[in-house]
């Protein structure tokens, strides 16, 4: 992933934030059009590396091994509903 990909993520986050500000009393119910591999990759980089394992008992180190494939599978699940 390069800086252009991260700029794209920031642009999407800004767009969501602007929508939330414009309609403060409306829930944001549809995020999947904004989800992509770059977004998930950036989110995975922001997870604390020393945090506790998740409900699936996977640690950050476990998830890091094969991250791209795991994120692609997560994205497919999120978009399929």
Protein backbone atom coordinates (compact mmCIF):
# COMPACT_ATOMS: atom_id res chain seq x y z
CA UNK A 1 0.00 0.00 0.00
CA UNK A 2 1.37 3.42 -0.84
CA UNK A 3 0.57 6.99 0.19
CA UNK A 4 -2.07 7.37 -2.53
CA UNK A 5 -3.99 4.49 -1.02
CA UNK A 6 -3.83 6.06 2.44
CA UNK A 7 -4.96 9.42 1.03
CA UNK A 8 -7.97 7.63 -0.45
CA UNK A 9 -8.78 6.22 3.00
CA UNK A 10 -8.52 9.69 4.56
CA UNK A 11 -10.79 11.13 1.88
CA UNK A 12 -13.42 8.48 2.58
CA UNK A 13 -13.21 9.07 6.32
CA UNK A 14 -13.60 12.81 5.78
CA UNK A 15 -16.63 12.22 3.57
CA UNK A 16 -18.27 10.07 6.26
CA UNK A 17 -17.47 12.67 8.92
CA UNK A 18 -18.98 15.43 6.78
CA UNK A 19 -22.14 13.39 6.26
CA UNK A 20 -22.40 12.82 10.02
CA UNK A 21 -22.03 16.55 10.67
CA UNK A 22 -24.58 17.44 7.99
CA UNK A 23 -27.17 15.00 9.38
CA UNK A 24 -26.34 14.82 13.11
CA UNK A 25 -29.61 13.15 14.11
CA UNK A 26 -29.52 10.49 11.41
CA UNK A 27 -27.69 7.19 11.87
CA UNK A 28 -25.15 6.22 9.26
CA UNK A 29 -26.50 2.87 8.18
CA UNK A 30 -24.58 2.16 5.00
CA UNK A 31 -20.81 2.04 5.11
CA UNK A 32 -20.06 -0.84 2.77
CA UNK A 33 -19.63 1.38 -0.33
CA UNK A 34 -16.68 2.96 1.48
CA UNK A 35 -15.08 -0.29 2.55
CA UNK A 36 -12.19 -1.55 0.49
CA UNK A 37 -8.96 -3.40 1.04
CA UNK A 38 -7.02 -0.17 1.60
CA UNK A 39 -9.45 0.93 4.32
CA UNK A 40 -9.20 -2.40 6.13
CA UNK A 41 -5.40 -2.45 5.74
CA UNK A 42 -5.12 0.99 7.36
CA UNK A 43 -7.46 -0.08 10.16
CA UNK A 44 -5.38 -3.20 10.78
CA UNK A 45 -2.27 -1.05 11.13
CA UNK A 46 -3.98 1.04 13.82
CA UNK A 47 -4.72 -1.93 16.08
CA UNK A 48 -2.52 -1.94 19.18
CA UNK A 49 0.02 -4.68 18.72
CA UNK A 50 0.05 -5.55 22.42
CA UNK A 51 -3.73 -5.67 22.84
CA UNK A 52 -5.54 -8.72 24.12
CA UNK A 53 -6.59 -11.39 21.65
CA UNK A 54 -10.04 -11.08 20.13
CA UNK A 55 -13.11 -13.21 20.67
CA UNK A 56 -11.61 -15.67 18.20
CA UNK A 57 -8.45 -15.91 20.38
CA UNK A 58 -6.28 -14.49 17.60
CA UNK A 59 -3.51 -12.11 18.57
CA UNK A 60 -2.17 -9.30 16.44
CA UNK A 61 0.79 -11.51 15.53
CA UNK A 62 -1.56 -14.31 14.45
CA UNK A 63 -3.57 -11.96 12.27
CA UNK A 64 -0.47 -10.33 10.79
CA UNK A 65 0.52 -13.66 9.26
CA UNK A 66 -1.51 -13.77 6.05
CA UNK A 67 -3.00 -10.31 6.68
CA UNK A 68 -3.89 -9.53 3.08
CA UNK A 69 -5.75 -12.80 2.56
CA UNK A 70 -7.56 -12.39 5.89
CA UNK A 71 -8.54 -8.81 5.05
CA UNK A 72 -9.79 -9.86 1.62
CA UNK A 73 -11.96 -12.53 3.26
CA UNK A 74 -13.23 -10.02 5.83
CA UNK A 75 -14.08 -7.55 3.08
CA UNK A 76 -15.99 -10.22 1.16
CA UNK A 77 -17.98 -11.11 4.28
CA UNK A 78 -18.77 -7.46 5.00
CA UNK A 79 -19.94 -6.77 1.46
CA UNK A 80 -21.98 -9.97 1.22
CA UNK A 81 -23.85 -9.06 4.40
